[in-house]
Amino acid sequence: MDTKALDALFPGARRRILAALFGEPDRWWSVAELAGRAGLHPGTLRQHVSPLRDGGILRQKTADGHTLVQPDPASPIFGELRAIVLKLTNAANCAETILVVEDQPATAQITRILLESWGYHVVETHSGEEALEAFAQQDGAIHLLLSDVNLPRTSGPVLAQELQARKPDLRVIFMSGYHNDELTRGGMAFLPKPFNPASLARIVRKELDRRDPAHHRMNSSLD
């Protein structure tokens, strides 16, 4: 099996599912966790999990009333499939790091817990100053900034502009309880609050998977 054959067999959603699974092949995933990591609706995920299970690629068990799945190491194509999936989807770097900046501790904690449950590494901060310090400590390892628009003594756009000056390919998502015409007109990724887990999962995965690293970079007009 080569990468073209795999691409034909597992296009789109299934490839994202396999990327998540083979990013942590020893982990048992619940439907909700795997859907969040792959950025899919749980109903959509279930449609794809059954054929993968029936084809011997996944194995399944039940624990505490929840159905859990993981890649089946007994599958005769486990090793080959894992290697090709990692190459095709860059799943070797599947555990991206997200910097969350939210001045409401409860919201920040819930956001972090959700993202961590989907397999992301998360750095939780509550102000622009904390975010700048955490970014420096991570030595450029942050893949995505998820920031509230309004922060103490600064704003999300100002923070994003400063961080993208240090790392131009940094992805950015803003969140707010208020609609922001300037940001949405500028094409920035925007998550209205309050948000549900599905909407958070989808926008994070969509932004991380974006091919053009320079797309929608912050500029001084949004200060």
Protein backbone atom coordinates (compact mmCIF):
# COMPACT_ATOMS: atom_id res chain seq x y z
CA MET A 1 0.00 0.00 0.00
CA ASP A 2 1.42 3.42 -0.96
CA THR A 3 0.36 6.94 0.03
CA LYS A 4 -1.79 7.35 -3.10
CA ALA A 5 -3.65 4.15 -2.30
CA LEU A 6 -4.17 5.25 1.30
CA ASP A 7 -5.39 8.66 0.15
CA ALA A 8 -7.96 6.94 -2.06
CA LEU A 9 -9.06 4.52 0.66
CA PHE A 10 -9.16 7.04 3.49
CA PRO A 11 -9.99 10.52 2.14
CA GLY A 12 -11.01 13.51 4.22
CA ALA A 13 -12.62 12.68 7.54
CA ARG A 14 -11.24 9.15 7.79
CA ARG A 15 -7.71 10.40 7.28
CA ARG A 16 -8.20 12.91 10.11
CA ILE A 17 -9.50 10.11 12.33
CA LEU A 18 -6.49 7.94 11.54
CA ALA A 19 -4.14 10.86 12.12
CA ALA A 20 -5.53 11.30 15.63
CA LEU A 21 -5.50 7.56 16.34
CA PHE A 22 -1.98 6.93 15.13
CA GLY A 23 -0.72 10.11 16.78
CA GLU A 24 -1.32 8.23 20.07
CA PRO A 25 -1.70 4.58 19.01
CA ASP A 26 -1.66 3.20 22.56
CA ARG A 27 -4.52 5.39 23.77
CA TRP A 28 -8.12 4.23 24.03
CA TRP A 29 -10.38 7.00 22.69
CA SER A 30 -14.01 7.64 23.47
CA VAL A 31 -16.21 8.80 20.60
CA ALA A 32 -16.40 12.32 22.06
CA GLU A 33 -12.64 12.58 22.56
CA LEU A 34 -11.79 11.25 19.12
CA ALA A 35 -14.39 13.49 17.46
CA GLY A 36 -12.93 16.51 19.23
CA ARG A 37 -9.37 15.62 18.27
CA ALA A 38 -10.34 15.06 14.63
CA GLY A 39 -12.56 18.17 14.54
CA LEU A 40 -15.67 16.18 13.57
CA HIS A 41 -19.22 15.93 14.85
CA PRO A 42 -19.63 12.72 16.95
CA GLY A 43 -22.37 11.51 14.58
CA THR A 44 -20.05 11.91 11.60
CA LEU A 45 -17.29 10.11 13.45
CA ARG A 46 -19.51 7.09 14.19
CA GLN A 47 -20.25 6.70 10.48
CA HIS A 48 -16.53 6.25 9.80
CA VAL A 49 -15.52 4.26 12.88
CA SER A 50 -17.74 1.27 12.07
CA PRO A 51 -16.15 0.53 8.64
CA LEU A 52 -12.66 0.94 10.13
CA ARG A 53 -13.55 -1.48 12.92
CA ASP A 54 -15.20 -3.96 10.57
CA GLY A 55 -12.14 -3.79 8.33
CA GLY A 56 -9.89 -4.86 11.19
CA ILE A 57 -8.10 -1.53 11.48
CA LEU A 58 -9.63 -0.59 14.83
CA ARG A 59 -10.46 -2.61 17.91
CA GLN A 60 -13.18 -1.71 20.37
CA LYS A 61 -14.05 -2.21 24.02
CA THR A 62 -16.58 -0.90 26.54
CA ALA A 63 -15.59 0.70 29.86
CA ASP A 64 -17.95 2.40 32.31
CA GLY A 65 -20.67 2.33 29.71
CA HIS A 66 -18.55 4.10 27.08
CA THR A 67 -17.36 2.67 23.79
CA LEU A 68 -13.61 3.06 23.32
CA VAL A 69 -11.51 2.46 20.20
CA GLN A 70 -7.84 2.34 19.23
CA PRO A 71 -5.76 1.04 16.31
CA ASP A 72 -5.59 -2.75 16.39
CA PRO A 73 -1.93 -3.80 16.77
CA ALA A 74 -2.92 -7.31 15.66
CA SER A 75 -3.90 -6.02 12.22
CA PRO A 76 -1.47 -7.35 9.58
CA ILE A 77 -1.15 -3.84 8.13
CA PHE A 78 -0.80 -2.03 11.48
CA GLY A 79 2.89 -1.11 11.08
CA GLU A 80 2.65 -0.18 7.41
CA LEU A 81 -0.56 1.77 7.91
CA ARG A 82 0.85 3.69 10.85
CA ALA A 83 3.99 4.67 8.93
CA ILE A 84 2.02 5.84 5.88
CA VAL A 85 -0.56 7.74 7.95
CA LEU A 86 2.19 9.54 9.83
CA LYS A 87 3.85 10.51 6.56
CA LEU A 88 0.63 11.48 4.79
CA THR A 89 -0.96 13.50 7.59
CA ASN A 90 2.08 14.64 9.56
CA ALA A 91 0.50 12.93 12.56
CA ALA A 92 3.94 12.55 14.10
CA ASN A 93 3.42 16.14 15.18
CA CYS A 94 -0.24 15.56 16.07
CA ALA A 95 0.03 16.84 19.63
CA GLU A 96 0.12 20.53 18.78
CA THR A 97 0.58 23.09 21.55
CA ILE A 98 -2.13 25.70 22.09
CA LEU A 99 -1.71 28.89 24.12
CA VAL A 100 -5.02 29.80 25.77
CA VAL A 101 -5.38 33.39 26.99
CA GLU A 102 -8.58 34.00 28.95
CA ASP A 103 -8.97 36.31 31.96
CA GLN A 104 -11.92 34.35 33.37
CA PRO A 105 -10.25 31.40 35.19
CA ALA A 106 -13.30 29.13 34.99
CA THR A 107 -13.60 29.59 31.22
CA ALA A 108 -9.85 29.15 30.79
CA GLN A 109 -9.89 25.93 32.80
CA ILE A 110 -12.84 24.42 30.92
CA THR A 111 -11.22 25.30 27.59
CA ARG A 112 -7.94 23.73 28.66
CA ILE A 113 -9.61 20.54 29.91
CA LEU A 114 -11.53 20.13 26.65
CA LEU A 115 -8.45 20.67 24.48
CA GLU A 116 -6.32 18.33 26.59
CA SER A 117 -8.99 15.64 26.41
CA TRP A 118 -8.61 15.77 22.61
CA GLY A 119 -4.86 15.23 22.79
CA TYR A 120 -3.50 18.77 22.51
CA HIS A 121 -0.81 20.22 24.74
CA VAL A 122 -2.26 23.35 26.37
CA VAL A 123 -0.65 26.32 28.11
CA GLU A 124 -3.26 28.20 30.15
CA THR A 125 -2.73 31.91 30.87
CA HIS A 126 -4.99 34.70 32.11
CA SER A 127 -3.41 37.91 30.81
CA GLY A 128 -1.29 39.28 28.02
CA GLU A 129 1.73 39.44 30.33
CA GLU A 130 1.37 35.78 31.29
CA ALA A 131 0.93 34.82 27.66
CA LEU A 132 4.10 36.63 26.57
CA GLU A 133 6.09 34.97 29.35
CA ALA A 134 4.67 31.52 28.57
CA PHE A 135 5.37 31.98 24.85
CA ALA A 136 9.00 32.82 25.59
CA GLN A 137 9.33 29.81 27.91
CA GLN A 138 7.97 27.51 25.21
CA ASP A 139 10.79 28.68 22.90
CA GLY A 140 8.58 28.94 19.82
CA ALA A 141 6.78 25.61 20.34
CA ILE A 142 3.29 27.22 20.35
CA HIS A 143 1.28 26.27 17.26
CA LEU A 144 -1.92 28.21 17.93
CA LEU A 145 -3.03 31.20 20.01
CA LEU A 146 -6.60 31.00 21.33
CA SER A 147 -7.25 34.36 22.93
CA ASP A 148 -10.13 36.40 24.27
CA VAL A 149 -10.48 39.69 22.42
CA ASN A 150 -10.60 41.79 25.59
CA LEU A 151 -7.76 41.25 28.07
CA PRO A 152 -6.52 43.23 31.09
CA ARG A 153 -4.36 46.17 29.94
CA THR A 154 -4.23 44.91 26.33
CA SER A 155 -6.29 43.12 23.69
CA GLY A 156 -6.16 39.84 21.87
CA PRO A 157 -5.31 41.46 18.51
CA VAL A 158 -2.42 43.43 20.04
CA LEU A 159 -1.11 40.27 21.70
CA ALA A 160 -1.46 38.28 18.47
CA GLN A 161 0.41 40.92 16.50
CA GLU A 162 3.32 40.81 18.95
CA LEU A 163 3.48 37.01 18.99
CA GLN A 164 3.23 36.72 15.21
CA ALA A 165 6.14 39.14 14.95
CA ARG A 166 8.12 36.50 16.84
CA LYS A 167 6.58 33.52 15.02
CA PRO A 168 5.00 34.45 11.66
CA ASP A 169 3.37 31.04 11.13
CA LEU A 170 1.49 31.17 14.46
CA ARG A 171 -2.20 30.36 13.99
CA VAL A 172 -4.68 32.61 15.81
CA ILE A 173 -8.28 32.24 16.95
CA PHE A 174 -10.12 34.99 18.82
CA MET A 175 -13.06 34.37 21.13
CA SER A 176 -15.52 36.83 22.61
CA GLY A 177 -19.05 37.16 23.90
CA TYR A 178 -19.49 40.13 21.57
CA HIS A 179 -19.48 40.08 17.79
CA ASN A 180 -16.48 41.90 16.31
CA ASP A 181 -17.12 43.16 12.77
CA GLU A 182 -13.56 44.35 12.29
CA LEU A 183 -12.10 40.92 13.01
CA THR A 184 -14.63 38.98 10.97
CA ARG A 185 -14.31 41.38 8.02
CA GLY A 186 -10.58 40.80 8.19
CA GLY A 187 -11.17 37.06 7.88
CA MET A 188 -9.78 36.20 11.30
CA ALA A 189 -10.88 32.95 12.92
CA PHE A 190 -13.51 33.90 15.48
CA LEU A 191 -15.27 31.77 18.12
CA PRO A 192 -18.36 33.34 19.74
CA LYS A 193 -18.83 32.75 23.47
CA PRO A 194 -20.40 30.84 25.01
CA PHE A 195 -19.25 28.01 22.76
CA ASN A 196 -19.92 24.28 22.84
CA PRO A 197 -17.23 21.57 22.61
CA ALA A 198 -18.08 20.74 19.00
CA SER A 199 -17.63 24.31 17.75
CA LEU A 200 -14.35 24.64 19.67
CA ALA A 201 -13.05 21.36 18.26
CA ARG A 202 -13.95 22.26 14.68
CA ILE A 203 -12.44 25.74 14.62
CA VAL A 204 -9.22 24.64 16.34
CA ARG A 205 -8.70 21.74 13.94
CA LYS A 206 -9.59 23.88 10.92
CA GLU A 207 -7.11 26.58 11.87
CA LEU A 208 -4.30 24.12 12.65
CA ASP A 209 -4.85 22.33 9.34
CA ARG A 210 -4.78 25.53 7.29
CA ARG A 211 -2.10 25.20 4.60
CA ASP A 212 -1.10 28.87 4.24
CA PRO A 213 0.82 29.95 7.39
CA ALA A 214 0.73 33.63 6.44
CA HIS A 215 -3.03 33.72 5.87
CA HIS A 216 -4.93 36.28 7.97
CA ARG A 217 -1.89 37.53 9.84
CA MET A 218 -2.55 40.38 12.26
CA ASN A 219 -1.58 43.89 11.25
CA SER A 220 -1.52 47.33 12.83
CA SER A 221 -4.97 48.22 11.49
CA LEU A 222 -6.49 45.93 14.13
CA ASP A 223 -4.65 47.45 17.09
